[in-house]
C-alpha atoms as a PDB file:
ATOM      1  CA  MET A   1     144.774  83.755  90.368  1.00  0.00           C
ATOM      2  CA  ILE A   2     141.037  84.176  90.956  1.00  0.00           C
ATOM      3  CA  LYS A   3     140.489  85.305  87.351  1.00  0.00           C
ATOM      4  CA  LYS A   4     142.346  82.262  86.011  1.00  0.00           C
ATOM      5  CA  ASN A   5     140.273  79.920  88.155  1.00  0.00           C
ATOM      6  CA  THR A   6     137.067  81.634  87.000  1.00  0.00           C
ATOM      7  CA  LYS A   7     138.061  81.293  83.340  1.00  0.00           C
ATOM      8  CA  MET A   8     138.939  77.653  83.878  1.00  0.00           C
ATOM      9  CA  LYS A   9     135.585  76.971  85.520  1.00  0.00           C
ATOM     10  CA  TRP A  10     133.741  78.653  82.641  1.00  0.00           C
ATOM     11  CA  ALA A  11     135.737  76.646  80.102  1.00  0.00           C
ATOM     12  CA  VAL A  12     134.940  73.384  81.908  1.00  0.00           C
ATOM     13  CA  LEU A  13     131.272  74.365  82.190  1.00  0.00           C
ATOM     14  CA  ILE A  14     130.997  75.215  78.480  1.00  0.00           C
ATOM     15  CA  PHE A  15     132.744  71.955  77.596  1.00  0.00           C
ATOM     16  CA  LEU A  16     130.307  69.938  79.735  1.00  0.00           C
ATOM     17  CA  VAL A  17     127.318  71.735  78.212  1.00  0.00           C
ATOM     18  CA  LEU A  18     128.610  70.938  74.709  1.00  0.00           C
ATOM     19  CA  ILE A  19     129.102  67.268  75.607  1.00  0.00           C
ATOM     20  CA  ALA A  20     125.609  67.080  77.131  1.00  0.00           C
ATOM     21  CA  SER A  21     124.132  68.724  74.018  1.00  0.00           C
ATOM     22  CA  LEU A  22     125.909  66.287  71.707  1.00  0.00           C
ATOM     23  CA  LEU A  23     124.732  63.291  73.763  1.00  0.00           C
ATOM     24  CA  THR A  24     121.154  64.594  73.793  1.00  0.00           C
ATOM     25  CA  TRP A  25     121.239  65.082  70.015  1.00  0.00           C
ATOM     26  CA  ARG A  26     122.706  61.605  69.519  1.00  0.00           C
ATOM     27  CA  ILE A  27     120.005  59.957  71.668  1.00  0.00           C
ATOM     28  CA  TYR A  28     117.289  61.880  69.795  1.00  0.00           C
ATOM     29  CA  TYR A  29     118.777  60.936  66.412  1.00  0.00           C
ATOM     30  CA  VAL A  30     119.009  57.227  67.307  1.00  0.00           C
ATOM     31  CA  ASN A  31     115.448  57.155  68.683  1.00  0.00           C
ATOM     32  CA  GLN A  32     114.088  58.831  65.564  1.00  0.00           C
ATOM     33  CA  ASN A  33     115.860  56.388  63.262  1.00  0.00           C
ATOM     34  CA  VAL A  34     115.194  53.117  65.068  1.00  0.00           C
ATOM     35  CA  PRO A  35     112.834  51.059  62.891  1.00  0.00           C
ATOM     36  CA  LYS A  36     109.354  50.957  64.378  1.00  0.00           C
ATOM     37  CA  VAL A  37     108.176  47.477  65.364  1.00  0.00           C
ATOM     38  CA  GLN A  38     105.224  46.440  63.234  1.00  0.00           C
ATOM     39  CA  THR A  39     102.818  43.992  64.880  1.00  0.00           C
ATOM     40  CA  GLU A  40     100.777  41.479  62.909  1.00  0.00           C
ATOM     41  CA  TYR A  41      98.095  39.301  64.498  1.00  0.00           C
ATOM     42  CA  TYR A  42      96.984  35.885  63.285  1.00  0.00           C
ATOM     43  CA  ASP A  43      94.542  33.227  64.439  1.00  0.00           C
ATOM     44  CA  GLU A  44      94.936  29.499  64.985  1.00  0.00           C
ATOM     45  CA  ASN A  45      95.123  27.568  61.688  1.00  0.00           C
ATOM     46  CA  ASP A  46      96.469  30.656  59.864  1.00  0.00           C
ATOM     47  CA  SER A  47      99.659  30.054  57.878  1.00  0.00           C
ATOM     48  CA  VAL A  48     102.358  32.333  59.279  1.00  0.00           C
ATOM     49  CA  SER A  49     105.726  32.886  57.633  1.00  0.00           C
ATOM     50  CA  MET A  50     108.680  32.763  60.032  1.00  0.00           C
ATOM     51  CA  ASP A  51     110.613  35.579  58.337  1.00  0.00           C
ATOM     52  CA  ARG A  52     111.256  38.678  60.459  1.00  0.00           C
ATOM     53  CA  GLY A  53     110.899  41.238  57.690  1.00  0.00           C
ATOM     54  CA  THR A  54     114.589  42.183  57.448  1.00  0.00           C
ATOM     55  CA  GLY A  55     114.970  41.114  53.815  1.00  0.00           C
ATOM     56  CA  ASP A  56     118.390  39.526  54.389  1.00  0.00           C
ATOM     57  CA  GLU A  57     119.463  36.117  53.057  1.00  0.00           C
ATOM     58  CA  THR A  58     118.323  34.232  56.154  1.00  0.00           C
ATOM     59  CA  ASP A  59     114.944  35.919  56.015  1.00  0.00           C
ATOM     60  CA  THR A  60     114.544  34.991  52.359  1.00  0.00           C
ATOM     61  CA  LYS A  61     114.743  31.327  53.371  1.00  0.00           C
ATOM     62  CA  LEU A  62     112.672  31.784  56.531  1.00  0.00           C
ATOM     63  CA  LYS A  63     109.916  33.314  54.437  1.00  0.00           C
ATOM     64  CA  ASN A  64     109.221  29.832  53.098  1.00  0.00           C
ATOM     65  CA  TYR A  65     109.096  28.270  56.566  1.00  0.00           C
ATOM     66  CA  ILE A  66     105.417  28.312  57.468  1.00  0.00           C
ATOM     67  CA  VAL A  67     104.049  27.634  60.945  1.00  0.00           C
ATOM     68  CA  LYS A  68     100.424  26.830  61.667  1.00  0.00           C
ATOM     69  CA  VAL A  69      98.926  26.280  65.140  1.00  0.00           C
ATOM     70  CA  GLU A  70      96.711  23.188  65.113  1.00  0.00           C
ATOM     71  CA  SER A  71      95.686  22.967  68.778  1.00  0.00           C
ATOM     72  CA  THR A  72      96.528  23.978  72.343  1.00  0.00           C
ATOM     73  CA  GLN A  73      96.252  22.144  75.646  1.00  0.00           C
ATOM     74  CA  LEU A  74      96.737  23.071  79.283  1.00  0.00           C
ATOM     75  CA  MET A  75      97.968  20.193  81.486  1.00  0.00           C
ATOM     76  CA  ASP A  76      98.706  20.157  85.194  1.00  0.00           C
ATOM     77  CA  LYS A  77     102.082  18.845  86.307  1.00  0.00           C
ATOM     78  CA  ASP A  78     100.908  15.419  87.506  1.00  0.00           C
ATOM     79  CA  GLU A  79      98.936  14.749  84.322  1.00  0.00           C
ATOM     80  CA  PHE A  80     101.899  15.789  82.186  1.00  0.00           C
ATOM     81  CA  ASP A  81     104.354  13.632  84.173  1.00  0.00           C
ATOM     82  CA  LYS A  82     102.133  10.577  83.879  1.00  0.00           C
ATOM     83  CA  LYS A  83     101.336  10.916  80.181  1.00  0.00           C
ATOM     84  CA  TYR A  84     104.876  11.637  79.001  1.00  0.00           C
ATOM     85  CA  LYS A  85     106.719   9.682  81.723  1.00  0.00           C
ATOM     86  CA  TYR A  86     108.489  12.881  82.614  1.00  0.00           C
ATOM     87  CA  THR A  87     110.433  12.521  85.837  1.00  0.00           C
ATOM     88  CA  SER A  88     109.577  15.017  88.543  1.00  0.00           C
ATOM     89  CA  ALA A  89     113.216  14.807  89.649  1.00  0.00           C
ATOM     90  CA  GLU A  90     114.075  17.221  86.833  1.00  0.00           C
ATOM     91  CA  GLU A  91     115.073  20.520  88.434  1.00  0.00           C
ATOM     92  CA  THR A  92     113.011  22.621  86.019  1.00  0.00           C
ATOM     93  CA  ASN A  93     109.992  20.366  86.406  1.00  0.00           C
ATOM     94  CA  GLU A  94     109.993  20.823  90.180  1.00  0.00           C
ATOM     95  CA  LYS A  95     109.190  24.516  89.708  1.00  0.00           C
ATOM     96  CA  ASN A  96     106.340  24.028  87.261  1.00  0.00           C
ATOM     97  CA  ASP A  97     102.699  23.935  88.309  1.00  0.00           C
ATOM     98  CA  ALA A  98     101.389  23.192  84.811  1.00  0.00           C
ATOM     99  CA  TYR A  99     102.359  23.030  81.143  1.00  0.00           C
ATOM    100  CA  TYR A 100     100.946  24.788  78.119  1.00  0.00           C
ATOM    101  CA  LEU A 101     101.235  22.694  74.958  1.00  0.00           C
ATOM    102  CA  VAL A 102     100.956  24.178  71.483  1.00  0.00           C
ATOM    103  CA  THR A 103     100.792  21.675  68.627  1.00  0.00           C
ATOM    104  CA  VAL A 104     101.979  23.175  65.350  1.00  0.00           C
ATOM    105  CA  ASN A 105     102.787  22.117  61.829  1.00  0.00           C
ATOM    106  CA  ILE A 106     105.933  23.623  60.325  1.00  0.00           C
ATOM    107  CA  GLU A 107     106.339  23.427  56.564  1.00  0.00           C
ATOM    108  CA  ASN A 108     109.431  24.188  54.491  1.00  0.00           C
ATOM    109  CA  LYS A 109     108.276  25.451  51.098  1.00  0.00           C
ATOM    110  CA  ASN A 110     111.840  25.907  49.849  1.00  0.00           C
ATOM    111  CA  LYS A 111     112.249  23.364  47.065  1.00  0.00           C
ATOM    112  CA  GLU A 112     115.911  22.623  47.712  1.00  0.00           C
ATOM    113  CA  ASP A 113     117.489  21.090  50.837  1.00  0.00           C
ATOM    114  CA  ASP A 114     119.791  23.388  52.784  1.00  0.00           C
ATOM    115  CA  ASN A 115     121.335  21.804  55.886  1.00  0.00           C
ATOM    116  CA  SER A 116     123.396  24.948  56.562  1.00  0.00           C
ATOM    117  CA  PHE A 117     120.210  26.728  57.528  1.00  0.00           C
ATOM    118  CA  GLY A 118     117.585  25.934  60.128  1.00  0.00           C
ATOM    119  CA  VAL A 119     115.037  27.118  62.641  1.00  0.00           C
ATOM    120  CA  SER A 120     115.558  27.726  66.356  1.00  0.00           C
ATOM    121  CA  LEU A 121     112.441  27.223  68.458  1.00  0.00           C
ATOM    122  CA  TYR A 122     113.868  29.372  71.260  1.00  0.00           C
ATOM    123  CA  SER A 123     112.766  32.380  69.227  1.00  0.00           C
ATOM    124  CA  VAL A 124     109.121  31.224  69.399  1.00  0.00           C
ATOM    125  CA  LEU A 125     107.805  32.619  72.677  1.00  0.00           C
ATOM    126  CA  LEU A 126     104.606  32.261  74.659  1.00  0.00           C
ATOM    127  CA  LEU A 127     103.555  35.881  75.067  1.00  0.00           C
ATOM    128  CA  LYS A 128     101.794  37.295  78.123  1.00  0.00           C
ATOM    129  CA  GLU A 129     100.750  40.847  78.940  1.00  0.00           C
ATOM    130  CA  ASN A 130     103.629  41.220  81.392  1.00  0.00           C
ATOM    131  CA  GLY A 131     106.340  39.277  79.566  1.00  0.00           C
ATOM    132  CA  TYR A 132     106.991  35.985  77.815  1.00  0.00           C
ATOM    133  CA  ILE A 133     107.915  32.353  78.468  1.00  0.00           C
ATOM    134  CA  ILE A 134     110.616  30.493  76.542  1.00  0.00           C
ATOM    135  CA  LEU A 135     110.303  26.924  75.364  1.00  0.00           C
ATOM    136  CA  ASP A 136     110.985  24.252  78.013  1.00  0.00           C
ATOM    137  CA  GLU A 137     113.632  22.196  76.198  1.00  0.00           C
ATOM    138  CA  ASP A 138     113.535  19.123  78.469  1.00  0.00           C
ATOM    139  CA  ALA A 139     109.733  18.927  78.364  1.00  0.00           C
ATOM    140  CA  PHE A 140     109.813  19.496  74.591  1.00  0.00           C
ATOM    141  CA  LYS A 141     112.118  16.497  74.152  1.00  0.00           C
ATOM    142  CA  ALA A 142     109.849  14.363  76.352  1.00  0.00           C
ATOM    143  CA  VAL A 143     106.802  15.189  74.211  1.00  0.00           C
ATOM    144  CA  ASN A 144     108.695  15.028  70.897  1.00  0.00           C
ATOM    145  CA  PRO A 145     111.219  12.173  71.278  1.00  0.00           C
ATOM    146  CA  GLU A 146     111.636  11.979  67.496  1.00  0.00           C
ATOM    147  CA  MET A 147     112.961  15.547  67.321  1.00  0.00           C
ATOM    148  CA  PRO A 148     116.764  16.028  67.180  1.00  0.00           C
ATOM    149  CA  GLY A 149     116.502  19.123  69.377  1.00  0.00           C
ATOM    150  CA  THR A 150     115.098  22.631  69.405  1.00  0.00           C
ATOM    151  CA  SER A 151     117.095  23.703  66.336  1.00  0.00           C
ATOM    152  CA  PHE A 152     116.622  21.853  63.063  1.00  0.00           C
ATOM    153  CA  ALA A 153     116.310  22.104  59.297  1.00  0.00           C
ATOM    154  CA  LEU A 154     113.498  20.534  57.302  1.00  0.00           C
ATOM    155  CA  ARG A 155     114.035  18.991  53.896  1.00  0.00           C
ATOM    156  CA  GLY A 156     112.768  21.045  50.997  1.00  0.00           C
ATOM    157  CA  SER A 157     109.025  20.696  50.310  1.00  0.00           C
ATOM    158  CA  SER A 158     108.436  18.832  53.578  1.00  0.00           C
ATOM    159  CA  ASN A 159     106.588  19.464  56.828  1.00  0.00           C
ATOM    160  CA  MET A 160     106.519  18.190  60.393  1.00  0.00           C
ATOM    161  CA  THR A 161     104.036  18.328  63.248  1.00  0.00           C
ATOM    162  CA  MET A 162     105.423  18.908  66.736  1.00  0.00           C
ATOM    163  CA  THR A 163     104.307  20.212  70.121  1.00  0.00           C
ATOM    164  CA  PHE A 164     105.884  23.228  71.798  1.00  0.00           C
ATOM    165  CA  VAL A 165     105.897  22.984  75.605  1.00  0.00           C
ATOM    166  CA  TYR A 166     105.989  25.935  77.997  1.00  0.00           C
ATOM    167  CA  GLY A 167     106.347  25.506  81.760  1.00  0.00           C
ATOM    168  CA  LEU A 168     103.978  27.594  83.885  1.00  0.00           C
ATOM    169  CA  ASN A 169     105.097  28.549  87.376  1.00  0.00           C
ATOM    170  CA  GLU A 170     105.237  31.282  89.974  1.00  0.00           C
ATOM    171  CA  GLU A 171     108.769  32.176  88.950  1.00  0.00           C
ATOM    172  CA  ASN A 172     107.694  33.334  85.476  1.00  0.00           C
ATOM    173  CA  GLY A 173     104.601  34.988  86.933  1.00  0.00           C
ATOM    174  CA  THR A 174     102.067  32.707  85.268  1.00  0.00           C
ATOM    175  CA  LYS A 175      98.760  31.845  86.888  1.00  0.00           C
ATOM    176  CA  VAL A 176      96.057  29.437  85.802  1.00  0.00           C
ATOM    177  CA  LYS A 177      92.451  30.316  86.625  1.00  0.00           C
ATOM    178  CA  ASP A 178      89.302  28.418  85.643  1.00  0.00           C
ATOM    179  CA  GLY A 179      91.314  26.174  83.328  1.00  0.00           C
ATOM    180  CA  LYS A 180      92.904  29.067  81.425  1.00  0.00           C
ATOM    181  CA  VAL A 181      96.257  30.846  81.498  1.00  0.00           C
ATOM    182  CA  GLU A 182      95.698  34.370  82.799  1.00  0.00           C
ATOM    183  CA  TYR A 183      96.700  37.296  80.555  1.00  0.00           C
ATOM    184  CA  LEU A 184      97.846  35.058  77.706  1.00  0.00           C
ATOM    185  CA  LYS A 185      98.312  37.039  74.483  1.00  0.00           C
ATOM    186  CA  GLY A 186      99.505  34.377  72.070  1.00  0.00           C
ATOM    187  CA  LEU A 187     102.450  32.668  70.410  1.00  0.00           C
ATOM    188  CA  MET A 188     105.077  35.151  69.218  1.00  0.00           C
ATOM    189  CA  VAL A 189     106.679  33.681  66.099  1.00  0.00           C
ATOM    190  CA  THR A 190     108.953  36.656  65.338  1.00  0.00           C
ATOM    191  CA  GLU A 191     109.893  39.700  67.411  1.00  0.00           C
ATOM    192  CA  THR A 192     111.582  42.460  65.367  1.00  0.00           C
ATOM    193  CA  PRO A 193     111.303  44.350  63.104  1.00  0.00           C
ATOM    194  CA  VAL A 194     107.994  42.590  62.389  1.00  0.00           C
ATOM    195  CA  ARG A 195     106.325  41.019  65.422  1.00  0.00           C
ATOM    196  CA  LYS A 196     104.028  38.159  64.440  1.00  0.00           C
ATOM    197  CA  ILE A 197     101.614  36.935  67.114  1.00  0.00           C
ATOM    198  CA  ILE A 198      99.247  34.005  66.756  1.00  0.00           C
ATOM    199  CA  ARG A 199      96.269  34.407  69.103  1.00  0.00           C
ATOM    200  CA  LEU A 200      95.628  31.333  71.220  1.00  0.00           C
ATOM    201  CA  GLU A 201      92.377  30.123  72.755  1.00  0.00           C
END
């Protein structure tokens, strides 16, 4: 009885070692074959293609969507509310101490119209050293009342100027010091496999 139990224990142990070895090999294989993220840096007024570098059909069209940062502005909450008649009763606005505005021009160099395809501004992030901030949709609509929303398609061979708005508050760990956003890295236009970052002043 003791011998049988010993054999069973050894069999279970060998089985567990084999499973652990296979899992370790699998993790190593996946890590070695994950595409490395390539980072590209740009400056304000540079023309930056919105394609992610995947080469798929969507990316082929995004390659001809060009974004260019024209200016940036930091506004405190009261100034923003007054200028854009933005009600402080908004739940998200109550949390914000200030707003960071990035005015950009987006151009569609595709010659033909394609309403089945468009751009989502939620993928354009304000990048900090310790994270990122997503677009504030309500504030964006207040600043850009002519925009249909945060997802849209431009007509072929056309362009549009708009202002991205990012709420700054304690909750997203953003601090303003001496009129500047601390640890601000830039505007991240694409994330993977090619990360495109426009440096901001």
